Amino acid sequence: MTKQHKKKYSWDPYTSDVQKFSIYPQVNRYEHDNLKEGSIIEVIVTSSDPRGNGIALYRGKRVIMKGGSVGSKVRVKVTKILGDTIYGEIAGTLTESGVEY
């Protein structure tokens, strides 16, 4: 005679959706957001580096482009993606910066 196990749970914890039963909040992460070389994104330039490159943020990633003035809203064509850094060139300026030099 074989003894059958009585199931402790009505669901199998190894195959069910564990996140649904988690006490921790679900974190939405942008995994490249279908971003690839040649894509065009819109960003606001927040700072610049000593070389004159504009620096902005796009969905948690740093965007570096040549020649963006701080405060400008620009369209950037992505040329390279390395880790959490996106390199690009300005494809067009949507609004000019209000900063006087």
Protein backbone atom coordinates (compact mmCIF):
# COMPACT_ATOMS: atom_id res chain seq x y z
CA MET A 1 0.00 0.00 0.00
CA THR A 2 1.23 3.42 -0.87
CA LYS A 3 0.59 6.34 1.35
CA GLN A 4 -0.46 9.49 -0.45
CA HIS A 5 0.67 12.89 0.69
CA LYS A 6 -1.96 15.30 1.73
CA LYS A 7 -1.24 18.56 -0.05
CA LYS A 8 -0.38 21.40 2.29
CA TYR A 9 -1.51 24.00 -0.25
CA SER A 10 -4.13 23.91 -2.95
CA TRP A 11 -1.64 25.52 -5.33
CA ASP A 12 1.89 24.56 -6.20
CA PRO A 13 4.29 27.26 -4.88
CA TYR A 14 6.95 26.31 -7.44
CA THR A 15 4.85 26.88 -10.52
CA SER A 16 2.47 29.64 -9.44
CA ASP A 17 2.99 33.36 -9.82
CA VAL A 18 5.02 34.14 -6.71
CA GLN A 19 4.90 37.92 -7.27
CA LYS A 20 1.13 37.84 -6.82
CA PHE A 21 1.58 36.61 -3.23
CA SER A 22 4.58 38.80 -2.41
CA ILE A 23 4.44 41.40 0.36
CA TYR A 24 6.87 43.62 -1.57
CA PRO A 25 5.57 46.12 -4.11
CA GLN A 26 6.08 45.37 -7.76
CA VAL A 27 8.69 47.61 -9.32
CA ASN A 28 8.19 48.72 -12.89
CA ARG A 29 11.47 48.81 -14.72
CA TYR A 30 12.11 50.00 -18.21
CA GLU A 31 14.16 47.29 -19.86
CA HIS A 32 15.52 49.35 -22.77
CA ASP A 33 11.89 50.27 -23.64
CA ASN A 34 12.52 48.98 -27.19
CA LEU A 35 15.18 51.65 -27.38
CA LYS A 36 17.79 50.93 -30.02
CA GLU A 37 20.27 52.79 -32.14
CA GLY A 38 18.51 55.12 -34.54
CA SER A 39 15.54 55.75 -32.22
CA ILE A 40 14.50 59.34 -31.60
CA ILE A 41 13.71 60.46 -28.04
CA GLU A 42 12.68 63.81 -26.55
CA VAL A 43 14.54 65.07 -23.49
CA ILE A 44 15.18 68.27 -21.55
CA VAL A 45 18.87 69.07 -21.10
CA THR A 46 19.53 69.36 -17.36
CA SER A 47 23.28 69.99 -17.26
CA SER A 48 26.44 70.06 -19.33
CA ASP A 49 29.92 68.67 -18.86
CA PRO A 50 33.25 70.54 -19.30
CA ARG A 51 33.49 69.38 -22.94
CA GLY A 52 30.21 71.13 -23.80
CA ASN A 53 28.10 67.99 -24.09
CA GLY A 54 24.50 68.24 -22.93
CA ILE A 55 23.33 65.76 -20.28
CA ALA A 56 19.71 64.68 -19.74
CA LEU A 57 17.75 61.80 -18.22
CA TYR A 58 15.46 59.46 -20.15
CA ARG A 59 13.58 56.87 -18.08
CA GLY A 60 16.35 56.44 -15.54
CA LYS A 61 19.16 56.44 -18.10
CA ARG A 62 21.67 59.21 -18.68
CA VAL A 63 21.64 60.75 -22.17
CA ILE A 64 24.78 62.49 -23.46
CA MET A 65 24.61 64.59 -26.61
CA LYS A 66 26.96 67.05 -28.27
CA GLY A 67 26.16 70.70 -27.78
CA GLY A 68 22.90 70.93 -25.87
CA SER A 69 22.25 74.10 -23.88
CA VAL A 70 20.85 73.71 -20.37
CA GLY A 71 17.06 74.03 -20.27
CA SER A 72 16.45 73.25 -23.95
CA LYS A 73 13.96 70.58 -24.96
CA VAL A 74 15.47 68.60 -27.83
CA ARG A 75 14.93 65.53 -29.97
CA VAL A 76 17.92 63.20 -29.81
CA LYS A 77 18.80 60.46 -32.30
CA VAL A 78 20.36 57.55 -30.37
CA THR A 79 23.79 56.57 -31.73
CA LYS A 80 25.06 54.21 -29.00
CA ILE A 81 23.75 52.52 -25.84
CA LEU A 82 26.25 51.40 -23.20
CA GLY A 83 24.73 50.10 -19.97
CA ASP A 84 22.70 52.90 -18.43
CA THR A 85 24.20 55.59 -20.68
CA ILE A 86 22.75 56.63 -24.03
CA TYR A 87 24.85 58.59 -26.52
CA GLY A 88 23.17 60.60 -29.23
CA GLU A 89 23.16 63.61 -31.49
CA ILE A 90 20.61 66.39 -31.54
CA ALA A 91 18.08 65.87 -34.33
CA GLY A 92 16.08 69.01 -33.59
CA THR A 93 15.37 71.64 -30.97
CA LEU A 94 11.78 71.89 -29.73
CA THR A 95 12.20 74.80 -27.28
CA GLU A 96 15.18 77.02 -26.67
CA SER A 97 16.77 77.55 -23.30
CA GLY A 98 15.79 80.60 -21.31
CA VAL A 99 19.27 80.82 -19.78
CA GLU A 100 21.39 83.84 -20.75
CA TYR A 101 25.18 83.48 -20.80
